[in-house]
Amino acid sequence: MIDYSVKKYEASNRKQWDEFIDSAKNATFLFKRDFMDYHKDRFEDYSLMVYKGEELYAVMPANRRDTMVYSHQGLTYGGFVLQSSAKLISAFEAFKAMLQFLSSNGISKLDIRIIPSFYSVLPSDELIYFLFLANATLIKRDVLFLIDYQNKVRFQKNRREGINKANRMGLEVKMDTNFDGFWNEILIPNLKNKHDVAPVHTLSEIKLLADRFPENIKQFSVYKDGKIVAGTTIFLTKTTVHPQYVSGNADKNIYGSLDLAYNFIIEKYKDSKRYFDFNISSEENGKYLNKGLVFWKESCGARSYTVDNYVVDTKIADTLTLNLL
């Protein structure tokens, strides 16, 4: 019988962790330590490494608050990350060992967000099944919008009109490194005026991350007569294009600047990526939909996809079993 063991991540495990993330079937660059650790001062890291014998079999990016562990509050998504060769029954044993470790170390509950399956390079719904067996509580279900490049829906008429308008006005989309212009002239003022909030990443943080992950973080800026009028900062994974930030100036509807930007980016990656992820359009744990965002994203050809967040009592590990026939 093969033993499963669990330990907390330490800085000395950095190389092994990152190499595992590179080869895992359901990980993205957000789980690399250079990404996770940029805000390590804000979170008590409680990332876990699960071994099958001597082999690293699974990891969970996580942080701790009191007697709860979250996967991970500083990331868009978390979850249980598995090696590419992982199989269901062994993955179950690894998951159970992880819950036992948490329970034995004073952690009463695990708050875990599912990694959207379109980020995976292989099918990876094991965690959803394990959470069902563990009687986990669904606490949040967000709706995001997704374009599947293999089944692409055409832009609606109003979006095509916006693109034509932008072209007539001489707007130009460039992939550049003008994070300063986008953050200071467009993004920060818009978020402050509309929602009285700031971007999750500061300008210095996004520039740091873009420097660490130049192949994964790109800036696209829209210009009119040499002046930035809109932009989007995108995250690129193995399978997916994801606009992390998007914003335009007060004339974005008159110019059609965002229509032009999205059409440009969607077309640019149509042959190298499978999905274009528009991010969530729900609020307050999924109980409300932002009607304007839903309309805009669907008019770009995106369709709905749900992402769940669960809480599981770690003591369930004492009785958790996989019933086999």
C-alpha atoms as a PDB file:
ATOM      1  CA  MET A   1       0.000   0.000   0.000  1.00  0.00           C
ATOM      2  CA  ILE A   2       1.369   3.407  -1.000  1.00  0.00           C
ATOM      3  CA  ASP A   3       1.469   6.059   1.723  1.00  0.00           C
ATOM      4  CA  TYR A   4       0.405   9.654   1.114  1.00  0.00           C
ATOM      5  CA  SER A   5       2.075  12.421   3.069  1.00  0.00           C
ATOM      6  CA  VAL A   6       1.439  16.169   3.231  1.00  0.00           C
ATOM      7  CA  LYS A   7       3.619  19.098   4.148  1.00  0.00           C
ATOM      8  CA  LYS A   8       3.392  22.863   4.058  1.00  0.00           C
ATOM      9  CA  TYR A   9       5.248  24.637   1.285  1.00  0.00           C
ATOM     10  CA  GLU A  10       8.530  26.251   2.292  1.00  0.00           C
ATOM     11  CA  ALA A  11      10.835  28.496   0.321  1.00  0.00           C
ATOM     12  CA  SER A  12      13.277  25.592  -0.020  1.00  0.00           C
ATOM     13  CA  ASN A  13      10.599  23.773  -2.065  1.00  0.00           C
ATOM     14  CA  ARG A  14      10.364  26.554  -4.633  1.00  0.00           C
ATOM     15  CA  LYS A  15      12.082  24.750  -7.506  1.00  0.00           C
ATOM     16  CA  GLN A  16      10.088  21.544  -7.005  1.00  0.00           C
ATOM     17  CA  TRP A  17       6.838  23.508  -6.696  1.00  0.00           C
ATOM     18  CA  ASP A  18       7.393  25.519  -9.869  1.00  0.00           C
ATOM     19  CA  GLU A  19       8.449  22.471 -11.880  1.00  0.00           C
ATOM     20  CA  PHE A  20       5.295  20.696 -10.741  1.00  0.00           C
ATOM     21  CA  ILE A  21       3.121  23.659 -11.773  1.00  0.00           C
ATOM     22  CA  ASP A  22       4.737  23.670 -15.221  1.00  0.00           C
ATOM     23  CA  SER A  23       3.776  20.034 -15.818  1.00  0.00           C
ATOM     24  CA  ALA A  24       0.460  19.782 -13.923  1.00  0.00           C
ATOM     25  CA  LYS A  25      -2.726  19.160 -15.861  1.00  0.00           C
ATOM     26  CA  ASN A  26      -4.810  21.918 -14.257  1.00  0.00           C
ATOM     27  CA  ALA A  27      -2.410  24.698 -13.301  1.00  0.00           C
ATOM     28  CA  THR A  28      -1.648  28.122 -14.708  1.00  0.00           C
ATOM     29  CA  PHE A  29       1.199  30.575 -14.214  1.00  0.00           C
ATOM     30  CA  LEU A  30      -0.784  32.214 -11.381  1.00  0.00           C
ATOM     31  CA  PHE A  31       0.368  29.282  -9.223  1.00  0.00           C
ATOM     32  CA  LYS A  32       4.070  29.894  -9.853  1.00  0.00           C
ATOM     33  CA  ARG A  33       5.818  31.224  -6.789  1.00  0.00           C
ATOM     34  CA  ASP A  34       6.958  34.381  -8.580  1.00  0.00           C
ATOM     35  CA  PHE A  35       3.287  35.244  -9.009  1.00  0.00           C
ATOM     36  CA  MET A  36       1.948  34.040  -5.657  1.00  0.00           C
ATOM     37  CA  ASP A  37       4.693  35.639  -3.624  1.00  0.00           C
ATOM     38  CA  TYR A  38       4.403  39.183  -4.975  1.00  0.00           C
ATOM     39  CA  HIS A  39       1.792  39.833  -2.280  1.00  0.00           C
ATOM     40  CA  LYS A  40       3.030  37.385   0.342  1.00  0.00           C
ATOM     41  CA  ASP A  41       3.051  40.169   2.940  1.00  0.00           C
ATOM     42  CA  ARG A  42      -0.760  40.280   2.769  1.00  0.00           C
ATOM     43  CA  PHE A  43      -1.397  36.591   3.329  1.00  0.00           C
ATOM     44  CA  GLU A  44      -0.209  33.838   5.656  1.00  0.00           C
ATOM     45  CA  ASP A  45       0.822  31.273   3.095  1.00  0.00           C
ATOM     46  CA  TYR A  46      -0.493  27.791   3.794  1.00  0.00           C
ATOM     47  CA  SER A  47       0.157  26.122   0.467  1.00  0.00           C
ATOM     48  CA  LEU A  48       0.310  22.347   0.662  1.00  0.00           C
ATOM     49  CA  MET A  49       2.296  19.650  -1.122  1.00  0.00           C
ATOM     50  CA  VAL A  50       0.943  16.092  -1.246  1.00  0.00           C
ATOM     51  CA  TYR A  51       3.314  13.206  -1.879  1.00  0.00           C
ATOM     52  CA  LYS A  52       2.497   9.720  -3.103  1.00  0.00           C
ATOM     53  CA  GLY A  53       5.405   7.848  -1.662  1.00  0.00           C
ATOM     54  CA  GLU A  54       8.390   9.991  -2.628  1.00  0.00           C
ATOM     55  CA  GLU A  55       6.635  11.539  -5.642  1.00  0.00           C
ATOM     56  CA  LEU A  56       4.989  14.966  -5.549  1.00  0.00           C
ATOM     57  CA  TYR A  57       1.454  14.137  -6.611  1.00  0.00           C
ATOM     58  CA  ALA A  58      -0.657  17.233  -5.886  1.00  0.00           C
ATOM     59  CA  VAL A  59      -0.405  20.769  -4.533  1.00  0.00           C
ATOM     60  CA  MET A  60      -2.846  23.367  -3.281  1.00  0.00           C
ATOM     61  CA  PRO A  61      -2.016  27.095  -3.375  1.00  0.00           C
ATOM     62  CA  ALA A  62      -3.524  28.391  -0.137  1.00  0.00           C
ATOM     63  CA  ASN A  63      -3.476  30.893   2.687  1.00  0.00           C
ATOM     64  CA  ARG A  64      -4.621  30.673   6.299  1.00  0.00           C
ATOM     65  CA  ARG A  65      -6.817  32.921   8.422  1.00  0.00           C
ATOM     66  CA  ASP A  66      -7.395  31.728  11.966  1.00  0.00           C
ATOM     67  CA  THR A  67      -8.773  28.181  11.712  1.00  0.00           C
ATOM     68  CA  MET A  68      -9.686  28.365   8.026  1.00  0.00           C
ATOM     69  CA  VAL A  69      -7.578  27.725   4.946  1.00  0.00           C
ATOM     70  CA  TYR A  70      -8.481  29.309   1.610  1.00  0.00           C
ATOM     71  CA  SER A  71      -7.334  28.310  -1.842  1.00  0.00           C
ATOM     72  CA  HIS A  72      -6.178  31.164  -2.351  1.00  0.00           C
ATOM     73  CA  GLN A  73      -7.653  34.585  -1.430  1.00  0.00           C
ATOM     74  CA  GLY A  74      -5.001  36.402  -3.415  1.00  0.00           C
ATOM     75  CA  LEU A  75      -5.688  34.520  -6.648  1.00  0.00           C
ATOM     76  CA  THR A  76      -8.549  34.525  -9.141  1.00  0.00           C
ATOM     77  CA  TYR A  77      -8.962  30.774  -8.687  1.00  0.00           C
ATOM     78  CA  GLY A  78      -7.368  28.056  -6.592  1.00  0.00           C
ATOM     79  CA  GLY A  79      -8.194  24.417  -6.181  1.00  0.00           C
ATOM     80  CA  PHE A  80      -6.468  21.069  -6.013  1.00  0.00           C
ATOM     81  CA  VAL A  81      -3.667  20.851  -8.589  1.00  0.00           C
ATOM     82  CA  LEU A  82      -2.787  17.406  -9.928  1.00  0.00           C
ATOM     83  CA  GLN A  83       0.085  15.959 -11.903  1.00  0.00           C
ATOM     84  CA  SER A  84      -0.722  15.136 -15.523  1.00  0.00           C
ATOM     85  CA  SER A  85      -0.679  11.373 -14.899  1.00  0.00           C
ATOM     86  CA  ALA A  86      -3.058  11.550 -11.894  1.00  0.00           C
ATOM     87  CA  LYS A  87      -5.858   9.003 -11.767  1.00  0.00           C
ATOM     88  CA  LEU A  88      -9.142   9.254  -9.896  1.00  0.00           C
ATOM     89  CA  ILE A  89      -8.657   6.790  -7.029  1.00  0.00           C
ATOM     90  CA  SER A  90      -5.129   7.944  -6.221  1.00  0.00           C
ATOM     91  CA  ALA A  91      -6.249  11.563  -6.458  1.00  0.00           C
ATOM     92  CA  PHE A  92      -8.968  10.782  -3.904  1.00  0.00           C
ATOM     93  CA  GLU A  93      -6.412   9.379  -1.470  1.00  0.00           C
ATOM     94  CA  ALA A  94      -4.297  12.503  -1.939  1.00  0.00           C
ATOM     95  CA  PHE A  95      -7.298  14.746  -1.291  1.00  0.00           C
ATOM     96  CA  LYS A  96      -8.251  12.790   1.826  1.00  0.00           C
ATOM     97  CA  ALA A  97      -4.680  12.988   3.129  1.00  0.00           C
ATOM     98  CA  MET A  98      -4.766  16.735   2.628  1.00  0.00           C
ATOM     99  CA  LEU A  99      -7.972  17.091   4.659  1.00  0.00           C
ATOM    100  CA  GLN A 100      -6.507  14.896   7.406  1.00  0.00           C
ATOM    101  CA  PHE A 101      -3.406  17.074   7.524  1.00  0.00           C
ATOM    102  CA  LEU A 102      -5.510  20.220   7.823  1.00  0.00           C
ATOM    103  CA  SER A 103      -7.697  18.755  10.554  1.00  0.00           C
ATOM    104  CA  SER A 104      -4.723  17.509  12.570  1.00  0.00           C
ATOM    105  CA  ASN A 105      -3.153  20.967  12.385  1.00  0.00           C
ATOM    106  CA  GLY A 106      -6.116  22.846  13.813  1.00  0.00           C
ATOM    107  CA  ILE A 107      -7.801  23.825  10.557  1.00  0.00           C
ATOM    108  CA  SER A 108     -11.550  23.331  10.894  1.00  0.00           C
ATOM    109  CA  LYS A 109     -12.679  24.298   7.395  1.00  0.00           C
ATOM    110  CA  LEU A 110     -11.285  24.524   3.889  1.00  0.00           C
ATOM    111  CA  ASP A 111     -12.673  27.184   1.549  1.00  0.00           C
ATOM    112  CA  ILE A 112     -11.821  25.993  -1.945  1.00  0.00           C
ATOM    113  CA  ARG A 113     -12.494  27.516  -5.336  1.00  0.00           C
ATOM    114  CA  ILE A 114     -12.720  25.309  -8.368  1.00  0.00           C
ATOM    115  CA  ILE A 115     -10.204  25.964 -11.135  1.00  0.00           C
ATOM    116  CA  PRO A 116     -12.318  26.598 -14.269  1.00  0.00           C
ATOM    117  CA  SER A 117     -11.974  23.464 -16.366  1.00  0.00           C
ATOM    118  CA  PHE A 118     -11.133  25.367 -19.543  1.00  0.00           C
ATOM    119  CA  TYR A 119      -7.768  26.237 -17.980  1.00  0.00           C
ATOM    120  CA  SER A 120      -6.880  22.546 -17.804  1.00  0.00           C
ATOM    121  CA  VAL A 121      -4.917  20.731 -20.490  1.00  0.00           C
ATOM    122  CA  LEU A 122      -6.586  17.429 -19.538  1.00  0.00           C
ATOM    123  CA  PRO A 123      -9.991  16.609 -17.989  1.00  0.00           C
ATOM    124  CA  SER A 124      -9.748  17.401 -14.279  1.00  0.00           C
ATOM    125  CA  ASP A 125     -13.090  17.334 -12.491  1.00  0.00           C
ATOM    126  CA  GLU A 126     -11.882  15.049  -9.694  1.00  0.00           C
ATOM    127  CA  LEU A 127     -12.199  17.759  -7.059  1.00  0.00           C
ATOM    128  CA  ILE A 128     -15.873  18.388  -7.792  1.00  0.00           C
ATOM    129  CA  TYR A 129     -16.614  14.716  -7.188  1.00  0.00           C
ATOM    130  CA  PHE A 130     -14.536  14.596  -3.998  1.00  0.00           C
ATOM    131  CA  LEU A 131     -16.324  17.642  -2.612  1.00  0.00           C
ATOM    132  CA  PHE A 132     -19.649  15.939  -3.319  1.00  0.00           C
ATOM    133  CA  LEU A 133     -18.500  12.896  -1.326  1.00  0.00           C
ATOM    134  CA  ALA A 134     -17.296  15.183   1.462  1.00  0.00           C
ATOM    135  CA  ASN A 135     -20.687  16.910   1.762  1.00  0.00           C
ATOM    136  CA  ALA A 136     -19.075  20.249   0.993  1.00  0.00           C
ATOM    137  CA  THR A 137     -21.302  23.329   1.051  1.00  0.00           C
ATOM    138  CA  LEU A 138     -21.658  25.401  -2.102  1.00  0.00           C
ATOM    139  CA  ILE A 139     -21.254  29.012  -0.966  1.00  0.00           C
ATOM    140  CA  LYS A 140     -20.790  30.794  -4.264  1.00  0.00           C
ATOM    141  CA  ARG A 141     -21.558  30.229  -7.934  1.00  0.00           C
ATOM    142  CA  ASP A 142     -20.315  32.886 -10.315  1.00  0.00           C
ATOM    143  CA  VAL A 143     -21.275  33.268 -13.960  1.00  0.00           C
ATOM    144  CA  LEU A 144     -18.524  34.158 -16.379  1.00  0.00           C
ATOM    145  CA  PHE A 145     -18.592  34.414 -20.149  1.00  0.00           C
ATOM    146  CA  LEU A 146     -16.453  32.446 -22.529  1.00  0.00           C
ATOM    147  CA  ILE A 147     -15.689  32.237 -26.224  1.00  0.00           C
ATOM    148  CA  ASP A 148     -14.817  28.766 -27.506  1.00  0.00           C
ATOM    149  CA  TYR A 149     -12.659  29.368 -30.560  1.00  0.00           C
ATOM    150  CA  GLN A 150     -13.686  26.012 -32.014  1.00  0.00           C
ATOM    151  CA  ASN A 151     -17.342  27.002 -31.860  1.00  0.00           C
ATOM    152  CA  LYS A 152     -17.124  30.748 -32.273  1.00  0.00           C
ATOM    153  CA  VAL A 153     -20.253  32.914 -32.398  1.00  0.00           C
ATOM    154  CA  ARG A 154     -20.077  36.002 -34.585  1.00  0.00           C
ATOM    155  CA  PHE A 155     -20.052  39.515 -33.086  1.00  0.00           C
ATOM    156  CA  GLN A 156     -23.566  40.986 -33.114  1.00  0.00           C
ATOM    157  CA  LYS A 157     -24.429  43.936 -35.332  1.00  0.00           C
ATOM    158  CA  ASN A 158     -23.966  46.581 -32.635  1.00  0.00           C
ATOM    159  CA  ARG A 159     -20.442  45.330 -31.883  1.00  0.00           C
ATOM    160  CA  ARG A 160     -19.525  45.255 -35.573  1.00  0.00           C
ATOM    161  CA  GLU A 161     -20.817  48.815 -35.895  1.00  0.00           C
ATOM    162  CA  GLY A 162     -18.564  49.816 -32.994  1.00  0.00           C
ATOM    163  CA  ILE A 163     -15.548  48.291 -34.744  1.00  0.00           C
ATOM    164  CA  ASN A 164     -16.374  50.104 -37.991  1.00  0.00           C
ATOM    165  CA  LYS A 165     -16.815  53.370 -36.086  1.00  0.00           C
ATOM    166  CA  ALA A 166     -13.412  52.961 -34.430  1.00  0.00           C
ATOM    167  CA  ASN A 167     -11.770  52.298 -37.778  1.00  0.00           C
ATOM    168  CA  ARG A 168     -13.404  55.359 -39.335  1.00  0.00           C
ATOM    169  CA  MET A 169     -12.141  57.526 -36.491  1.00  0.00           C
ATOM    170  CA  GLY A 170      -8.620  56.266 -36.996  1.00  0.00           C
ATOM    171  CA  LEU A 171      -8.241  54.393 -33.713  1.00  0.00           C
ATOM    172  CA  GLU A 172      -5.316  51.996 -33.505  1.00  0.00           C
ATOM    173  CA  VAL A 173      -4.678  49.007 -31.220  1.00  0.00           C
ATOM    174  CA  LYS A 174      -1.096  48.273 -30.202  1.00  0.00           C
ATOM    175  CA  MET A 175       0.463  45.566 -28.064  1.00  0.00           C
ATOM    176  CA  ASP A 176       2.917  47.611 -26.022  1.00  0.00           C
ATOM    177  CA  THR A 177       4.160  48.105 -22.477  1.00  0.00           C
ATOM    178  CA  ASN A 178       2.245  51.289 -21.720  1.00  0.00           C
ATOM    179  CA  PHE A 179       1.009  50.121 -18.324  1.00  0.00           C
ATOM    180  CA  ASP A 180       1.710  53.610 -16.953  1.00  0.00           C
ATOM    181  CA  GLY A 181      -0.593  55.319 -19.433  1.00  0.00           C
ATOM    182  CA  PHE A 182      -3.371  52.755 -19.055  1.00  0.00           C
ATOM    183  CA  TRP A 183      -3.245  52.683 -15.243  1.00  0.00           C
ATOM    184  CA  ASN A 184      -2.816  56.407 -14.623  1.00  0.00           C
ATOM    185  CA  GLU A 185      -4.928  57.910 -17.418  1.00  0.00           C
ATOM    186  CA  ILE A 186      -7.693  55.337 -17.857  1.00  0.00           C
ATOM    187  CA  LEU A 187      -8.015  52.502 -15.341  1.00  0.00           C
ATOM    188  CA  ILE A 188      -7.404  54.177 -11.974  1.00  0.00           C
ATOM    189  CA  PRO A 189      -9.578  57.273 -12.692  1.00  0.00           C
ATOM    190  CA  ASN A 190     -12.432  55.130 -14.053  1.00  0.00           C
ATOM    191  CA  LEU A 191     -12.499  52.722 -11.115  1.00  0.00           C
ATOM    192  CA  LYS A 192     -12.301  55.640  -8.676  1.00  0.00           C
ATOM    193  CA  ASN A 193     -15.095  57.629 -10.341  1.00  0.00           C
ATOM    194  CA  LYS A 194     -17.446  54.708 -11.011  1.00  0.00           C
ATOM    195  CA  HIS A 195     -16.932  52.421  -8.037  1.00  0.00           C
ATOM    196  CA  ASP A 196     -14.650  54.296  -5.620  1.00  0.00           C
ATOM    197  CA  VAL A 197     -12.160  51.409  -5.735  1.00  0.00           C
ATOM    198  CA  ALA A 198      -8.615  50.870  -6.973  1.00  0.00           C
ATOM    199  CA  PRO A 199      -7.297  48.094  -9.240  1.00  0.00           C
ATOM    200  CA  VAL A 200      -6.437  44.891  -7.384  1.00  0.00           C
ATOM    201  CA  HIS A 201      -2.872  45.235  -8.652  1.00  0.00           C
ATOM    202  CA  THR A 202      -1.045  48.511  -8.230  1.00  0.00           C
ATOM    203  CA  LEU A 203       0.851  49.866 -11.203  1.00  0.00           C
ATOM    204  CA  SER A 204       4.176  48.795  -9.706  1.00  0.00           C
ATOM    205  CA  GLU A 205       2.819  45.301  -9.021  1.00  0.00           C
ATOM    206  CA  ILE A 206       1.490  44.721 -12.523  1.00  0.00           C
ATOM    207  CA  LYS A 207       4.760  45.978 -14.012  1.00  0.00           C
ATOM    208  CA  LEU A 208       6.685  43.635 -11.720  1.00  0.00           C
ATOM    209  CA  LEU A 209       4.503  40.674 -12.716  1.00  0.00           C
ATOM    210  CA  ALA A 210       4.700  41.540 -16.407  1.00  0.00           C
ATOM    211  CA  ASP A 211       8.479  41.607 -16.082  1.00  0.00           C
ATOM    212  CA  ARG A 212       8.464  38.202 -14.358  1.00  0.00           C
ATOM    213  CA  PHE A 213       5.989  36.684 -16.823  1.00  0.00           C
ATOM    214  CA  PRO A 214       6.541  38.456 -20.154  1.00  0.00           C
ATOM    215  CA  GLU A 215       4.930  35.637 -22.159  1.00  0.00           C
ATOM    216  CA  ASN A 216       1.832  35.549 -19.959  1.00  0.00           C
ATOM    217  CA  ILE A 217       0.992  39.185 -19.224  1.00  0.00           C
ATOM    218  CA  LYS A 218       0.464  41.562 -22.136  1.00  0.00           C
ATOM    219  CA  GLN A 219      -0.789  45.127 -22.466  1.00  0.00           C
ATOM    220  CA  PHE A 220      -2.964  46.203 -25.399  1.00  0.00           C
ATOM    221  CA  SER A 221      -3.579  49.928 -25.733  1.00  0.00           C
ATOM    222  CA  VAL A 222      -5.972  51.818 -28.001  1.00  0.00           C
ATOM    223  CA  TYR A 223      -4.824  55.177 -29.345  1.00  0.00           C
ATOM    224  CA  LYS A 224      -6.475  58.089 -31.106  1.00  0.00           C
ATOM    225  CA  ASP A 225      -4.101  60.657 -32.579  1.00  0.00           C
ATOM    226  CA  GLY A 226      -1.323  59.252 -30.416  1.00  0.00           C
ATOM    227  CA  LYS A 227      -3.257  59.526 -27.134  1.00  0.00           C
ATOM    228  CA  ILE A 228      -4.343  56.455 -25.190  1.00  0.00           C
ATOM    229  CA  VAL A 229      -8.142  56.221 -24.999  1.00  0.00           C
ATOM    230  CA  ALA A 230      -8.652  52.624 -23.854  1.00  0.00           C
ATOM    231  CA  GLY A 231      -6.787  49.461 -23.040  1.00  0.00           C
ATOM    232  CA  THR A 232      -6.777  45.994 -21.592  1.00  0.00           C
ATOM    233  CA  THR A 233      -4.215  43.980 -19.675  1.00  0.00           C
ATOM    234  CA  ILE A 234      -4.488  40.305 -20.524  1.00  0.00           C
ATOM    235  CA  PHE A 235      -3.289  37.105 -18.877  1.00  0.00           C
ATOM    236  CA  LEU A 236      -2.353  34.254 -21.211  1.00  0.00           C
ATOM    237  CA  THR A 237      -2.357  30.628 -20.085  1.00  0.00           C
ATOM    238  CA  LYS A 238      -1.746  27.454 -22.078  1.00  0.00           C
ATOM    239  CA  THR A 239      -5.383  27.324 -23.168  1.00  0.00           C
ATOM    240  CA  THR A 240      -6.957  30.712 -22.542  1.00  0.00           C
ATOM    241  CA  VAL A 241      -6.892  34.454 -23.148  1.00  0.00           C
ATOM    242  CA  HIS A 242      -8.147  36.342 -20.106  1.00  0.00           C
ATOM    243  CA  PRO A 243      -8.545  40.160 -19.956  1.00  0.00           C
ATOM    244  CA  GLN A 244      -7.648  40.918 -16.352  1.00  0.00           C
ATOM    245  CA  TYR A 245      -8.350  44.640 -16.704  1.00  0.00           C
ATOM    246  CA  VAL A 246     -10.260  46.532 -19.389  1.00  0.00           C
ATOM    247  CA  SER A 247     -11.303  50.162 -19.452  1.00  0.00           C
ATOM    248  CA  GLY A 248     -11.894  53.070 -21.812  1.00  0.00           C
ATOM    249  CA  ASN A 249     -12.228  56.816 -21.444  1.00  0.00           C
ATOM    250  CA  ALA A 250     -15.559  58.644 -21.339  1.00  0.00           C
ATOM    251  CA  ASP A 251     -15.815  58.550 -25.146  1.00  0.00           C
ATOM    252  CA  LYS A 252     -15.461  54.771 -25.453  1.00  0.00           C
ATOM    253  CA  ASN A 253     -18.990  54.350 -26.792  1.00  0.00           C
ATOM    254  CA  ILE A 254     -18.558  57.184 -29.270  1.00  0.00           C
ATOM    255  CA  TYR A 255     -15.207  55.837 -30.434  1.00  0.00           C
ATOM    256  CA  GLY A 256     -16.016  52.115 -30.298  1.00  0.00           C
ATOM    257  CA  SER A 257     -12.582  51.682 -28.689  1.00  0.00           C
ATOM    258  CA  LEU A 258     -13.384  48.611 -26.589  1.00  0.00           C
ATOM    259  CA  ASP A 259     -15.117  46.865 -29.483  1.00  0.00           C
ATOM    260  CA  LEU A 260     -11.992  47.412 -31.557  1.00  0.00           C
ATOM    261  CA  ALA A 261      -9.672  46.224 -28.788  1.00  0.00           C
ATOM    262  CA  TYR A 262     -11.576  43.025 -28.091  1.00  0.00           C
ATOM    263  CA  ASN A 263     -11.971  42.148 -31.735  1.00  0.00           C
ATOM    264  CA  PHE A 264      -8.234  42.698 -32.257  1.00  0.00           C
ATOM    265  CA  ILE A 265      -7.235  40.472 -29.320  1.00  0.00           C
ATOM    266  CA  ILE A 266      -9.778  37.747 -30.038  1.00  0.00           C
ATOM    267  CA  GLU A 267      -8.540  37.498 -33.612  1.00  0.00           C
ATOM    268  CA  LYS A 268      -4.870  37.627 -32.605  1.00  0.00           C
ATOM    269  CA  TYR A 269      -5.086  34.489 -30.479  1.00  0.00           C
ATOM    270  CA  LYS A 270      -7.638  32.474 -32.430  1.00  0.00           C
ATOM    271  CA  ASP A 271      -5.017  30.017 -33.712  1.00  0.00           C
ATOM    272  CA  SER A 272      -2.979  29.608 -30.529  1.00  0.00           C
ATOM    273  CA  LYS A 273      -5.609  29.447 -27.769  1.00  0.00           C
ATOM    274  CA  ARG A 274      -8.825  27.485 -27.268  1.00  0.00           C
ATOM    275  CA  TYR A 275     -10.796  29.939 -25.124  1.00  0.00           C
ATOM    276  CA  PHE A 276     -11.309  33.638 -24.495  1.00  0.00           C
ATOM    277  CA  ASP A 277     -12.431  34.216 -20.903  1.00  0.00           C
ATOM    278  CA  PHE A 278     -14.379  37.452 -20.322  1.00  0.00           C
ATOM    279  CA  ASN A 279     -14.373  36.986 -16.541  1.00  0.00           C
ATOM    280  CA  ILE A 280     -17.379  37.006 -14.232  1.00  0.00           C
ATOM    281  CA  SER A 281     -20.547  39.042 -14.638  1.00  0.00           C
ATOM    282  CA  SER A 282     -22.178  38.135 -11.333  1.00  0.00           C
ATOM    283  CA  GLU A 283     -21.996  39.852  -7.973  1.00  0.00           C
ATOM    284  CA  GLU A 284     -22.627  39.118  -4.294  1.00  0.00           C
ATOM    285  CA  ASN A 285     -21.630  35.452  -4.472  1.00  0.00           C
ATOM    286  CA  GLY A 286     -23.489  34.935  -7.711  1.00  0.00           C
ATOM    287  CA  LYS A 287     -26.888  36.100  -6.484  1.00  0.00           C
ATOM    288  CA  TYR A 288     -27.046  39.031  -8.895  1.00  0.00           C
ATOM    289  CA  LEU A 289     -26.149  39.465 -12.551  1.00  0.00           C
ATOM    290  CA  ASN A 290     -24.706  42.642 -14.026  1.00  0.00           C
ATOM    291  CA  LYS A 291     -27.140  43.038 -16.925  1.00  0.00           C
ATOM    292  CA  GLY A 292     -24.940  45.490 -18.830  1.00  0.00           C
ATOM    293  CA  LEU A 293     -21.901  43.202 -18.710  1.00  0.00           C
ATOM    294  CA  VAL A 294     -23.973  40.179 -19.706  1.00  0.00           C
ATOM    295  CA  PHE A 295     -25.376  42.026 -22.722  1.00  0.00           C
ATOM    296  CA  TRP A 296     -21.987  43.326 -23.850  1.00  0.00           C
ATOM    297  CA  LYS A 297     -20.174  40.008 -23.520  1.00  0.00           C
ATOM    298  CA  GLU A 298     -22.920  38.005 -25.219  1.00  0.00           C
ATOM    299  CA  SER A 299     -22.962  40.504 -28.070  1.00  0.00           C
ATOM    300  CA  CYS A 300     -19.250  39.690 -28.538  1.00  0.00           C
ATOM    301  CA  GLY A 301     -20.187  36.030 -28.990  1.00  0.00           C
ATOM    302  CA  ALA A 302     -19.432  34.829 -25.454  1.00  0.00           C
ATOM    303  CA  ARG A 303     -21.666  32.363 -23.635  1.00  0.00           C
ATOM    304  CA  SER A 304     -22.137  31.546 -19.964  1.00  0.00           C
ATOM    305  CA  TYR A 305     -20.043  29.254 -17.783  1.00  0.00           C
ATOM    306  CA  THR A 306     -20.266  28.752 -14.023  1.00  0.00           C
ATOM    307  CA  VAL A 307     -17.505  28.542 -11.423  1.00  0.00           C
ATOM    308  CA  ASP A 308     -18.146  27.249  -7.914  1.00  0.00           C
ATOM    309  CA  ASN A 309     -16.736  27.911  -4.464  1.00  0.00           C
ATOM    310  CA  TYR A 310     -17.161  25.375  -1.634  1.00  0.00           C
ATOM    311  CA  VAL A 311     -16.453  25.046   2.069  1.00  0.00           C
ATOM    312  CA  VAL A 312     -15.684  21.609   3.492  1.00  0.00           C
ATOM    313  CA  ASP A 313     -15.360  20.516   7.119  1.00  0.00           C
ATOM    314  CA  THR A 314     -11.905  18.973   7.414  1.00  0.00           C
ATOM    315  CA  LYS A 315     -13.049  16.444  10.046  1.00  0.00           C
ATOM    316  CA  ILE A 316     -15.001  14.665   7.308  1.00  0.00           C
ATOM    317  CA  ALA A 317     -11.663  13.067   6.445  1.00  0.00           C
ATOM    318  CA  ASP A 318     -12.161  10.668   9.377  1.00  0.00           C
ATOM    319  CA  THR A 319     -15.135   9.053   7.636  1.00  0.00           C
ATOM    320  CA  LEU A 320     -14.532   9.954   3.992  1.00  0.00           C
ATOM    321  CA  THR A 321     -14.515   6.868   1.804  1.00  0.00           C
ATOM    322  CA  LEU A 322     -14.593   6.031  -1.865  1.00  0.00           C
ATOM    323  CA  ASN A 323     -17.210   3.339  -2.405  1.00  0.00           C
ATOM    324  CA  LEU A 324     -15.997   0.913  -5.042  1.00  0.00           C
ATOM    325  CA  LEU A 325     -17.996  -1.909  -6.620  1.00  0.00           C
END
